[in-house]
Amino acid sequence: MESERLQTEQEQFLRVALPDLYSFLMEEVEKHYNIHPYDIQAHVIKDSKQYQLIFYYGDGFAHQKSKYFSHEAVERMGEEMTDFSKELGEACKEVMIADYFKMMKM
């Protein structure tokens, strides 16, 4: 039972676990924010009731954005996912700009 719970709480690559969702989110972020998939590490933790999407970005992938979604929201890939892609894009853009200026000061 404990090993089963640990297994379900382990992060998986979103690209492998939910490839359609990964493609959708990466296309949205790239189209609207010019942020490429190699700038973001996307992971998911599957649960019986929901998915936790976890994105790492920024210098050394030190920043994280995470959100829970129901199975239905993930299957629909509708407005809820589009809104999240905007949140993710804005967060990534802010961090990447800050990282750029920090690098330029060095």
PDB file of N, CA and C in Angstrom:
ATOM      1  N   MET A   1       0.826  -1.192   0.000  1.00  0.00           N
ATOM      2  CA  MET A   1       0.000   0.000   0.000  1.00  0.00           C
ATOM      3  C   MET A   1       0.870   1.256   0.000  1.00  0.00           C
ATOM      4  N   GLU A   2       1.906   1.277   0.845  1.00  0.00           N
ATOM      5  CA  GLU A   2       2.787   2.440   0.923  1.00  0.00           C
ATOM      6  C   GLU A   2       3.547   2.631  -0.384  1.00  0.00           C
ATOM      7  N   SER A   3       4.041   1.537  -0.974  1.00  0.00           N
ATOM      8  CA  SER A   3       4.767   1.668  -2.241  1.00  0.00           C
ATOM      9  C   SER A   3       3.837   2.125  -3.364  1.00  0.00           C
ATOM     10  N   GLU A   4       2.569   1.700  -3.302  1.00  0.00           N
ATOM     11  CA  GLU A   4       1.595   2.143  -4.306  1.00  0.00           C
ATOM     12  C   GLU A   4       1.360   3.649  -4.189  1.00  0.00           C
ATOM     13  N   ARG A   5       1.258   4.147  -2.961  1.00  0.00           N
ATOM     14  CA  ARG A   5       1.052   5.580  -2.756  1.00  0.00           C
ATOM     15  C   ARG A   5       2.272   6.366  -3.215  1.00  0.00           C
ATOM     16  N   LEU A   6       3.459   5.872  -2.923  1.00  0.00           N
ATOM     17  CA  LEU A   6       4.674   6.546  -3.372  1.00  0.00           C
ATOM     18  C   LEU A   6       4.754   6.574  -4.886  1.00  0.00           C
ATOM     19  N   GLN A   7       4.354   5.498  -5.519  1.00  0.00           N
ATOM     20  CA  GLN A   7       4.408   5.422  -6.973  1.00  0.00           C
ATOM     21  C   GLN A   7       3.456   6.432  -7.603  1.00  0.00           C
ATOM     22  N   THR A   8       2.268   6.594  -7.047  1.00  0.00           N
ATOM     23  CA  THR A   8       1.315   7.536  -7.628  1.00  0.00           C
ATOM     24  C   THR A   8       1.734   8.977  -7.376  1.00  0.00           C
ATOM     25  N   GLU A   9       2.558   9.216  -6.357  1.00  0.00           N
ATOM     26  CA  GLU A   9       2.995  10.572  -6.056  1.00  0.00           C
ATOM     27  C   GLU A   9       4.280  10.945  -6.791  1.00  0.00           C
ATOM     28  N   GLN A  10       4.840  10.038  -7.566  1.00  0.00           N
ATOM     29  CA  GLN A  10       6.068  10.337  -8.285  1.00  0.00           C
ATOM     30  C   GLN A  10       5.766  11.153  -9.525  1.00  0.00           C
ATOM     31  N   GLU A  11       6.646  12.105  -9.768  1.00  0.00           N
ATOM     32  CA  GLU A  11       6.503  12.921 -10.965  1.00  0.00           C
ATOM     33  C   GLU A  11       6.867  12.109 -12.197  1.00  0.00           C
ATOM     34  N   GLN A  12       6.092  12.312 -13.245  1.00  0.00           N
ATOM     35  CA  GLN A  12       6.381  11.725 -14.547  1.00  0.00           C
ATOM     36  C   GLN A  12       6.518  12.873 -15.533  1.00  0.00           C
ATOM     37  N   PHE A  13       7.238  12.638 -16.611  1.00  0.00           N
ATOM     38  CA  PHE A  13       7.326  13.653 -17.647  1.00  0.00           C
ATOM     39  C   PHE A  13       5.957  13.811 -18.294  1.00  0.00           C
ATOM     40  N   LEU A  14       5.492  15.038 -18.390  1.00  0.00           N
ATOM     41  CA  LEU A  14       4.196  15.305 -19.006  1.00  0.00           C
ATOM     42  C   LEU A  14       4.196  14.866 -20.459  1.00  0.00           C
ATOM     43  N   ARG A  15       5.319  15.033 -21.128  1.00  0.00           N
ATOM     44  CA  ARG A  15       5.448  14.666 -22.541  1.00  0.00           C
ATOM     45  C   ARG A  15       5.183  13.176 -22.754  1.00  0.00           C
ATOM     46  N   VAL A  16       5.507  12.362 -21.761  1.00  0.00           N
ATOM     47  CA  VAL A  16       5.314  10.911 -21.860  1.00  0.00           C
ATOM     48  C   VAL A  16       3.927  10.510 -21.347  1.00  0.00           C
ATOM     49  N   ALA A  17       3.532  11.066 -20.209  1.00  0.00           N
ATOM     50  CA  ALA A  17       2.278  10.656 -19.569  1.00  0.00           C
ATOM     51  C   ALA A  17       1.041  11.180 -20.295  1.00  0.00           C
ATOM     52  N   LEU A  18       1.092  12.435 -20.742  1.00  0.00           N
ATOM     53  CA  LEU A  18      -0.057  13.060 -21.419  1.00  0.00           C
ATOM     54  C   LEU A  18       0.456  13.857 -22.622  1.00  0.00           C
ATOM     55  N   PRO A  19       0.853  13.171 -23.681  1.00  0.00           N
ATOM     56  CA  PRO A  19       1.494  13.862 -24.813  1.00  0.00           C
ATOM     57  C   PRO A  19       0.615  14.906 -25.496  1.00  0.00           C
ATOM     58  N   ASP A  20      -0.691  14.674 -25.587  1.00  0.00           N
ATOM     59  CA  ASP A  20      -1.572  15.664 -26.217  1.00  0.00           C
ATOM     60  C   ASP A  20      -1.634  16.952 -25.397  1.00  0.00           C
ATOM     61  N   LEU A  21      -1.728  16.817 -24.096  1.00  0.00           N
ATOM     62  CA  LEU A  21      -1.759  17.989 -23.224  1.00  0.00           C
ATOM     63  C   LEU A  21      -0.424  18.728 -23.281  1.00  0.00           C
ATOM     64  N   TYR A  22       0.672  17.985 -23.260  1.00  0.00           N
ATOM     65  CA  TYR A  22       2.000  18.603 -23.365  1.00  0.00           C
ATOM     66  C   TYR A  22       2.105  19.420 -24.649  1.00  0.00           C
ATOM     67  N   SER A  23       1.708  18.831 -25.757  1.00  0.00           N
ATOM     68  CA  SER A  23       1.774  19.535 -27.045  1.00  0.00           C
ATOM     69  C   SER A  23       0.907  20.785 -27.028  1.00  0.00           C
ATOM     70  N   PHE A  24      -0.299  20.667 -26.508  1.00  0.00           N
ATOM     71  CA  PHE A  24      -1.211  21.809 -26.444  1.00  0.00           C
ATOM     72  C   PHE A  24      -0.607  22.956 -25.635  1.00  0.00           C
ATOM     73  N   LEU A  25      -0.127  22.657 -24.426  1.00  0.00           N
ATOM     74  CA  LEU A  25       0.414  23.705 -23.563  1.00  0.00           C
ATOM     75  C   LEU A  25       1.680  24.326 -24.146  1.00  0.00           C
ATOM     76  N   MET A  26       2.564  23.499 -24.689  1.00  0.00           N
ATOM     77  CA  MET A  26       3.805  24.035 -25.253  1.00  0.00           C
ATOM     78  C   MET A  26       3.529  24.888 -26.491  1.00  0.00           C
ATOM     79  N   GLU A  27       2.573  24.478 -27.314  1.00  0.00           N
ATOM     80  CA  GLU A  27       2.214  25.284 -28.490  1.00  0.00           C
ATOM     81  C   GLU A  27       1.648  26.634 -28.073  1.00  0.00           C
ATOM     82  N   GLU A  28       0.804  26.647 -27.052  1.00  0.00           N
ATOM     83  CA  GLU A  28       0.218  27.902 -26.570  1.00  0.00           C
ATOM     84  C   GLU A  28       1.292  28.840 -26.021  1.00  0.00           C
ATOM     85  N   VAL A  29       2.181  28.301 -25.208  1.00  0.00           N
ATOM     86  CA  VAL A  29       3.233  29.127 -24.604  1.00  0.00           C
ATOM     87  C   VAL A  29       4.199  29.635 -25.674  1.00  0.00           C
ATOM     88  N   GLU A  30       4.519  28.782 -26.630  1.00  0.00           N
ATOM     89  CA  GLU A  30       5.432  29.206 -27.693  1.00  0.00           C
ATOM     90  C   GLU A  30       4.771  30.245 -28.599  1.00  0.00           C
ATOM     91  N   LYS A  31       3.509  30.032 -28.923  1.00  0.00           N
ATOM     92  CA  LYS A  31       2.805  30.934 -29.835  1.00  0.00           C
ATOM     93  C   LYS A  31       2.630  32.327 -29.228  1.00  0.00           C
ATOM     94  N   HIS A  32       2.259  32.407 -27.969  1.00  0.00           N
ATOM     95  CA  HIS A  32       1.928  33.690 -27.353  1.00  0.00           C
ATOM     96  C   HIS A  32       3.102  34.370 -26.646  1.00  0.00           C
ATOM     97  N   TYR A  33       4.099  33.590 -26.222  1.00  0.00           N
ATOM     98  CA  TYR A  33       5.188  34.163 -25.422  1.00  0.00           C
ATOM     99  C   TYR A  33       6.573  33.900 -26.009  1.00  0.00           C
ATOM    100  N   ASN A  34       6.637  33.177 -27.115  1.00  0.00           N
ATOM    101  CA  ASN A  34       7.908  32.837 -27.755  1.00  0.00           C
ATOM    102  C   ASN A  34       8.853  32.117 -26.779  1.00  0.00           C
ATOM    103  N   ILE A  35       8.271  31.313 -25.916  1.00  0.00           N
ATOM    104  CA  ILE A  35       9.037  30.494 -24.979  1.00  0.00           C
ATOM    105  C   ILE A  35       9.006  29.072 -25.515  1.00  0.00           C
ATOM    106  N   HIS A  36      10.173  28.499 -25.681  1.00  0.00           N
ATOM    107  CA  HIS A  36      10.295  27.208 -26.343  1.00  0.00           C
ATOM    108  C   HIS A  36      10.230  26.054 -25.339  1.00  0.00           C
ATOM    109  N   PRO A  37       9.849  24.881 -25.802  1.00  0.00           N
ATOM    110  CA  PRO A  37       9.735  23.729 -24.900  1.00  0.00           C
ATOM    111  C   PRO A  37      11.023  23.399 -24.145  1.00  0.00           C
ATOM    112  N   TYR A  38      12.187  23.706 -24.713  1.00  0.00           N
ATOM    113  CA  TYR A  38      13.428  23.402 -24.002  1.00  0.00           C
ATOM    114  C   TYR A  38      13.692  24.391 -22.866  1.00  0.00           C
ATOM    115  N   ASP A  39      12.901  25.451 -22.746  1.00  0.00           N
ATOM    116  CA  ASP A  39      13.018  26.394 -21.633  1.00  0.00           C
ATOM    117  C   ASP A  39      12.203  25.949 -20.422  1.00  0.00           C
ATOM    118  N   ILE A  40      11.412  24.906 -20.585  1.00  0.00           N
ATOM    119  CA  ILE A  40      10.485  24.459 -19.540  1.00  0.00           C
ATOM    120  C   ILE A  40      10.610  22.946 -19.362  1.00  0.00           C
ATOM    121  N   GLN A  41      10.619  22.504 -18.119  1.00  0.00           N
ATOM    122  CA  GLN A  41      10.505  21.076 -17.820  1.00  0.00           C
ATOM    123  C   GLN A  41       9.091  20.847 -17.295  1.00  0.00           C
ATOM    124  N   ALA A  42       8.360  19.966 -17.947  1.00  0.00           N
ATOM    125  CA  ALA A  42       6.960  19.722 -17.598  1.00  0.00           C
ATOM    126  C   ALA A  42       6.804  18.328 -16.994  1.00  0.00           C
ATOM    127  N   HIS A  43       6.162  18.277 -15.838  1.00  0.00           N
ATOM    128  CA  HIS A  43       5.940  17.019 -15.132  1.00  0.00           C
ATOM    129  C   HIS A  43       4.482  16.929 -14.703  1.00  0.00           C
ATOM    130  N   VAL A  44       4.072  15.728 -14.360  1.00  0.00           N
ATOM    131  CA  VAL A  44       2.710  15.498 -13.878  1.00  0.00           C
ATOM    132  C   VAL A  44       2.748  14.444 -12.779  1.00  0.00           C
ATOM    133  N   ILE A  45       1.881  14.625 -11.804  1.00  0.00           N
ATOM    134  CA  ILE A  45       1.629  13.593 -10.797  1.00  0.00           C
ATOM    135  C   ILE A  45       0.173  13.192 -10.964  1.00  0.00           C
ATOM    136  N   LYS A  46      -0.028  11.917 -11.270  1.00  0.00           N
ATOM    137  CA  LYS A  46      -1.387  11.411 -11.480  1.00  0.00           C
ATOM    138  C   LYS A  46      -1.975  10.944 -10.159  1.00  0.00           C
ATOM    139  N   ASP A  47      -3.240  11.227  -9.998  1.00  0.00           N
ATOM    140  CA  ASP A  47      -4.006  10.814  -8.835  1.00  0.00           C
ATOM    141  C   ASP A  47      -5.296  10.204  -9.366  1.00  0.00           C
ATOM    142  N   SER A  48      -6.015   9.489  -8.548  1.00  0.00           N
ATOM    143  CA  SER A  48      -7.264   8.890  -9.016  1.00  0.00           C
ATOM    144  C   SER A  48      -8.329   9.944  -9.318  1.00  0.00           C
ATOM    145  N   LYS A  49      -8.218  11.126  -8.720  1.00  0.00           N
ATOM    146  CA  LYS A  49      -9.225  12.167  -8.917  1.00  0.00           C
ATOM    147  C   LYS A  49      -8.729  13.360  -9.722  1.00  0.00           C
ATOM    148  N   GLN A  50      -7.417  13.555  -9.769  1.00  0.00           N
ATOM    149  CA  GLN A  50      -6.901  14.762 -10.410  1.00  0.00           C
ATOM    150  C   GLN A  50      -5.461  14.575 -10.875  1.00  0.00           C
ATOM    151  N   TYR A  51      -5.012  15.560 -11.621  1.00  0.00           N
ATOM    152  CA  TYR A  51      -3.624  15.631 -12.051  1.00  0.00           C
ATOM    153  C   TYR A  51      -3.006  16.875 -11.441  1.00  0.00           C
ATOM    154  N   GLN A  52      -1.761  16.752 -11.026  1.00  0.00           N
ATOM    155  CA  GLN A  52      -1.007  17.932 -10.627  1.00  0.00           C
ATOM    156  C   GLN A  52       0.024  18.187 -11.718  1.00  0.00           C
ATOM    157  N   LEU A  53      -0.108  19.317 -12.402  1.00  0.00           N
ATOM    158  CA  LEU A  53       0.856  19.693 -13.425  1.00  0.00           C
ATOM    159  C   LEU A  53       1.920  20.553 -12.765  1.00  0.00           C
ATOM    160  N   ILE A  54       3.177  20.227 -13.011  1.00  0.00           N
ATOM    161  CA  ILE A  54       4.299  20.929 -12.395  1.00  0.00           C
ATOM    162  C   ILE A  54       5.253  21.342 -13.502  1.00  0.00           C
ATOM    163  N   PHE A  55       5.572  22.622 -13.542  1.00  0.00           N
ATOM    164  CA  PHE A  55       6.473  23.151 -14.559  1.00  0.00           C
ATOM    165  C   PHE A  55       7.651  23.826 -13.881  1.00  0.00           C
ATOM    166  N   TYR A  56       8.856  23.506 -14.355  1.00  0.00           N
ATOM    167  CA  TYR A  56      10.080  24.120 -13.865  1.00  0.00           C
ATOM    168  C   TYR A  56      10.642  24.974 -14.990  1.00  0.00           C
ATOM    169  N   TYR A  57      11.146  26.155 -14.642  1.00  0.00           N
ATOM    170  CA  TYR A  57      11.648  27.069 -15.665  1.00  0.00           C
ATOM    171  C   TYR A  57      12.650  28.022 -15.023  1.00  0.00           C
ATOM    172  N   GLY A  58      13.282  28.824 -15.854  1.00  0.00           N
ATOM    173  CA  GLY A  58      14.267  29.789 -15.372  1.00  0.00           C
ATOM    174  C   GLY A  58      15.652  29.176 -15.332  1.00  0.00           C
ATOM    175  N   ASP A  59      16.611  29.973 -14.898  1.00  0.00           N
ATOM    176  CA  ASP A  59      18.006  29.544 -14.837  1.00  0.00           C
ATOM    177  C   ASP A  59      18.135  28.328 -13.925  1.00  0.00           C
ATOM    178  N   GLY A  60      18.604  27.236 -14.462  1.00  0.00           N
ATOM    179  CA  GLY A  60      18.736  26.003 -13.693  1.00  0.00           C
ATOM    180  C   GLY A  60      17.402  25.384 -13.316  1.00  0.00           C
ATOM    181  N   PHE A  61      16.345  25.804 -13.978  1.00  0.00           N
ATOM    182  CA  PHE A  61      14.984  25.327 -13.696  1.00  0.00           C
ATOM    183  C   PHE A  61      14.655  25.473 -12.205  1.00  0.00           C
ATOM    184  N   ALA A  62      15.063  26.615 -11.647  1.00  0.00           N
ATOM    185  CA  ALA A  62      14.913  26.867 -10.215  1.00  0.00           C
ATOM    186  C   ALA A  62      13.517  27.343  -9.825  1.00  0.00           C
ATOM    187  N   HIS A  63      12.727  27.779 -10.787  1.00  0.00           N
ATOM    188  CA  HIS A  63      11.386  28.284 -10.493  1.00  0.00           C
ATOM    189  C   HIS A  63      10.351  27.227 -10.850  1.00  0.00           C
ATOM    190  N   GLN A  64       9.232  27.271 -10.143  1.00  0.00           N
ATOM    191  CA  GLN A  64       8.214  26.237 -10.332  1.00  0.00           C
ATOM    192  C   GLN A  64       6.821  26.856 -10.346  1.00  0.00           C
ATOM    193  N   LYS A  65       5.977  26.312 -11.201  1.00  0.00           N
ATOM    194  CA  LYS A  65       4.549  26.660 -11.217  1.00  0.00           C
ATOM    195  C   LYS A  65       3.792  25.341 -11.236  1.00  0.00           C
ATOM    196  N   SER A  66       2.826  25.226 -10.359  1.00  0.00           N
ATOM    197  CA  SER A  66       2.095  23.973 -10.212  1.00  0.00           C
ATOM    198  C   SER A  66       0.609  24.270 -10.060  1.00  0.00           C
ATOM    199  N   LYS A  67      -0.199  23.378 -10.600  1.00  0.00           N
ATOM    200  CA  LYS A  67      -1.648  23.545 -10.468  1.00  0.00           C
ATOM    201  C   LYS A  67      -2.322  22.183 -10.600  1.00  0.00           C
ATOM    202  N   TYR A  68      -3.438  22.026  -9.892  1.00  0.00           N
ATOM    203  CA  TYR A  68      -4.226  20.798  -9.951  1.00  0.00           C
ATOM    204  C   TYR A  68      -5.356  20.959 -10.956  1.00  0.00           C
ATOM    205  N   PHE A  69      -5.610  19.876 -11.705  1.00  0.00           N
ATOM    206  CA  PHE A  69      -6.700  19.852 -12.677  1.00  0.00           C
ATOM    207  C   PHE A  69      -7.440  18.530 -12.561  1.00  0.00           C
ATOM    208  N   SER A  70      -8.739  18.581 -12.771  1.00  0.00           N
ATOM    209  CA  SER A  70      -9.536  17.355 -12.786  1.00  0.00           C
ATOM    210  C   SER A  70      -9.235  16.576 -14.066  1.00  0.00           C
ATOM    211  N   HIS A  71      -9.599  15.315 -14.066  1.00  0.00           N
ATOM    212  CA  HIS A  71      -9.409  14.495 -15.261  1.00  0.00           C
ATOM    213  C   HIS A  71     -10.209  15.060 -16.428  1.00  0.00           C
ATOM    214  N   GLU A  72     -11.402  15.568 -16.136  1.00  0.00           N
ATOM    215  CA  GLU A  72     -12.252  16.131 -17.193  1.00  0.00           C
ATOM    216  C   GLU A  72     -11.608  17.358 -17.829  1.00  0.00           C
ATOM    217  N   ALA A  73     -11.018  18.222 -17.016  1.00  0.00           N
ATOM    218  CA  ALA A  73     -10.369  19.433 -17.543  1.00  0.00           C
ATOM    219  C   ALA A  73      -9.195  19.072 -18.443  1.00  0.00           C
ATOM    220  N   VAL A  74      -8.465  18.043 -18.068  1.00  0.00           N
ATOM    221  CA  VAL A  74      -7.323  17.608 -18.877  1.00  0.00           C
ATOM    222  C   VAL A  74      -7.805  17.015 -20.195  1.00  0.00           C
ATOM    223  N   GLU A  75      -8.871  16.235 -20.150  1.00  0.00           N
ATOM    224  CA  GLU A  75      -9.402  15.636 -21.380  1.00  0.00           C
ATOM    225  C   GLU A  75      -9.979  16.684 -22.326  1.00  0.00           C
ATOM    226  N   ARG A  76     -10.651  17.700 -21.773  1.00  0.00           N
ATOM    227  CA  ARG A  76     -11.260  18.755 -22.602  1.00  0.00           C
ATOM    228  C   ARG A  76     -10.228  19.674 -23.230  1.00  0.00           C
ATOM    229  N   MET A  77      -9.188  19.993 -22.479  1.00  0.00           N
ATOM    230  CA  MET A  77      -8.168  20.955 -22.908  1.00  0.00           C
ATOM    231  C   MET A  77      -8.822  22.244 -23.390  1.00  0.00           C
ATOM    232  N   GLY A  78      -9.740  22.750 -22.602  1.00  0.00           N
ATOM    233  CA  GLY A  78     -10.498  23.942 -22.976  1.00  0.00           C
ATOM    234  C   GLY A  78      -9.954  25.209 -22.355  1.00  0.00           C
ATOM    235  N   GLU A  79     -10.878  26.060 -21.956  1.00  0.00           N
ATOM    236  CA  GLU A  79     -10.533  27.386 -21.449  1.00  0.00           C
ATOM    237  C   GLU A  79      -9.654  27.327 -20.201  1.00  0.00           C
ATOM    238  N   GLU A  80      -9.898  26.337 -19.352  1.00  0.00           N
ATOM    239  CA  GLU A  80      -9.103  26.202 -18.127  1.00  0.00           C
ATOM    240  C   GLU A  80      -7.625  25.984 -18.457  1.00  0.00           C
ATOM    241  N   MET A  81      -7.352  25.167 -19.460  1.00  0.00           N
ATOM    242  CA  MET A  81      -5.967  24.917 -19.873  1.00  0.00           C
ATOM    243  C   MET A  81      -5.373  26.127 -20.592  1.00  0.00           C
ATOM    244  N   THR A  82      -6.182  26.799 -21.394  1.00  0.00           N
ATOM    245  CA  THR A  82      -5.706  28.001 -22.081  1.00  0.00           C
ATOM    246  C   THR A  82      -5.336  29.074 -21.063  1.00  0.00           C
ATOM    247  N   ASP A  83      -6.166  29.244 -20.044  1.00  0.00           N
ATOM    248  CA  ASP A  83      -5.869  30.220 -18.991  1.00  0.00           C
ATOM    249  C   ASP A  83      -4.587  29.854 -18.255  1.00  0.00           C
ATOM    250  N   PHE A  84      -4.409  28.562 -17.977  1.00  0.00           N
ATOM    251  CA  PHE A  84      -3.191  28.137 -17.295  1.00  0.00           C
ATOM    252  C   PHE A  84      -1.967  28.368 -18.174  1.00  0.00           C
ATOM    253  N   SER A  85      -2.089  28.139 -19.477  1.00  0.00           N
ATOM    254  CA  SER A  85      -0.944  28.376 -20.367  1.00  0.00           C
ATOM    255  C   SER A  85      -0.550  29.849 -20.344  1.00  0.00           C
ATOM    256  N   LYS A  86      -1.524  30.740 -20.197  1.00  0.00           N
ATOM    257  CA  LYS A  86      -1.228  32.179 -20.091  1.00  0.00           C
ATOM    258  C   LYS A  86      -0.520  32.485 -18.774  1.00  0.00           C
ATOM    259  N   GLU A  87      -0.992  31.888 -17.686  1.00  0.00           N
ATOM    260  CA  GLU A  87      -0.330  32.075 -16.387  1.00  0.00           C
ATOM    261  C   GLU A  87       1.117  31.587 -16.451  1.00  0.00           C
ATOM    262  N   LEU A  88       1.292  30.411 -17.028  1.00  0.00           N
ATOM    263  CA  LEU A  88       2.625  29.830 -17.149  1.00  0.00           C
ATOM    264  C   LEU A  88       3.514  30.699 -18.030  1.00  0.00           C
ATOM    265  N   GLY A  89       2.992  31.138 -19.153  1.00  0.00           N
ATOM    266  CA  GLY A  89       3.764  31.979 -20.066  1.00  0.00           C
ATOM    267  C   GLY A  89       4.202  33.275 -19.416  1.00  0.00           C
ATOM    268  N   GLU A  90       3.298  33.927 -18.691  1.00  0.00           N
ATOM    269  CA  GLU A  90       3.640  35.185 -18.006  1.00  0.00           C
ATOM    270  C   GLU A  90       4.711  34.956 -16.943  1.00  0.00           C
ATOM    271  N   ALA A  91       4.556  33.889 -16.163  1.00  0.00           N
ATOM    272  CA  ALA A  91       5.532  33.589 -15.113  1.00  0.00           C
ATOM    273  C   ALA A  91       6.903  33.302 -15.715  1.00  0.00           C
ATOM    274  N   CYS A  92       6.941  32.513 -16.777  1.00  0.00           N
ATOM    275  CA  CYS A  92       8.210  32.191 -17.440  1.00  0.00           C
ATOM    276  C   CYS A  92       8.848  33.444 -18.021  1.00  0.00           C
ATOM    277  N   LYS A  93       8.048  34.264 -18.658  1.00  0.00           N
ATOM    278  CA  LYS A  93       8.563  35.484 -19.285  1.00  0.00           C
ATOM    279  C   LYS A  93       9.207  36.394 -18.243  1.00  0.00           C
ATOM    280  N   GLU A  94       8.533  36.600 -17.120  1.00  0.00           N
ATOM    281  CA  GLU A  94       9.076  37.453 -16.061  1.00  0.00           C
ATOM    282  C   GLU A  94      10.405  36.922 -15.543  1.00  0.00           C
ATOM    283  N   VAL A  95      10.473  35.625 -15.296  1.00  0.00           N
ATOM    284  CA  VAL A  95      11.697  35.024 -14.771  1.00  0.00           C
ATOM    285  C   VAL A  95      12.814  35.082 -15.801  1.00  0.00           C
ATOM    286  N   MET A  96      12.499  34.811 -17.049  1.00  0.00           N
ATOM    287  CA  MET A  96      13.529  34.827 -18.087  1.00  0.00           C
ATOM    288  C   MET A  96      14.079  36.236 -18.303  1.00  0.00           C
ATOM    289  N   ILE A  97      13.233  37.246 -18.227  1.00  0.00           N
ATOM    290  CA  ILE A  97      13.701  38.628 -18.346  1.00  0.00           C
ATOM    291  C   ILE A  97      14.598  38.978 -17.157  1.00  0.00           C
ATOM    292  N   ALA A  98      14.177  38.607 -15.956  1.00  0.00           N
ATOM    293  CA  ALA A  98      14.989  38.872 -14.763  1.00  0.00           C
ATOM    294  C   ALA A  98      16.326  38.146 -14.846  1.00  0.00           C
ATOM    295  N   ASP A  99      16.320  36.889 -15.294  1.00  0.00           N
ATOM    296  CA  ASP A  99      17.564  36.130 -15.449  1.00  0.00           C
ATOM    297  C   ASP A  99      18.483  36.791 -16.470  1.00  0.00           C
ATOM    298  N   TYR A 100      17.909  37.302 -17.547  1.00  0.00           N
ATOM    299  CA  TYR A 100      18.699  37.965 -18.584  1.00  0.00           C
ATOM    300  C   TYR A 100      19.392  39.203 -18.019  1.00  0.00           C
ATOM    301  N   PHE A 101      18.654  40.044 -17.309  1.00  0.00           N
ATOM    302  CA  PHE A 101      19.255  41.254 -16.755  1.00  0.00           C
ATOM    303  C   PHE A 101      20.278  40.930 -15.669  1.00  0.00           C
ATOM    304  N   LYS A 102      20.030  39.880 -14.900  1.00  0.00           N
ATOM    305  CA  LYS A 102      21.000  39.452 -13.898  1.00  0.00           C
ATOM    306  C   LYS A 102      22.290  39.007 -14.581  1.00  0.00           C
ATOM    307  N   MET A 103      22.165  38.291 -15.684  1.00  0.00           N
ATOM    308  CA  MET A 103      23.333  37.825 -16.430  1.00  0.00           C
ATOM    309  C   MET A 103      24.094  39.008 -17.031  1.00  0.00           C
ATOM    310  N   MET A 104      23.374  40.019 -17.507  1.00  0.00           N
ATOM    311  CA  MET A 104      24.017  41.176 -18.134  1.00  0.00           C
ATOM    312  C   MET A 104      24.800  42.011 -17.118  1.00  0.00           C
ATOM    313  N   LYS A 105      24.420  41.978 -15.851  1.00  0.00           N
ATOM    314  CA  LYS A 105      25.132  42.725 -14.813  1.00  0.00           C
ATOM    315  C   LYS A 105      26.473  42.090 -14.478  1.00  0.00           C
ATOM    316  N   MET A 106      26.618  40.813 -14.754  1.00  0.00           N
ATOM    317  CA  MET A 106      27.852  40.100 -14.398  1.00  0.00           C
ATOM    318  C   MET A 106      28.999  40.531 -15.237  1.00  0.00           C
TER     319      MET A 106
END
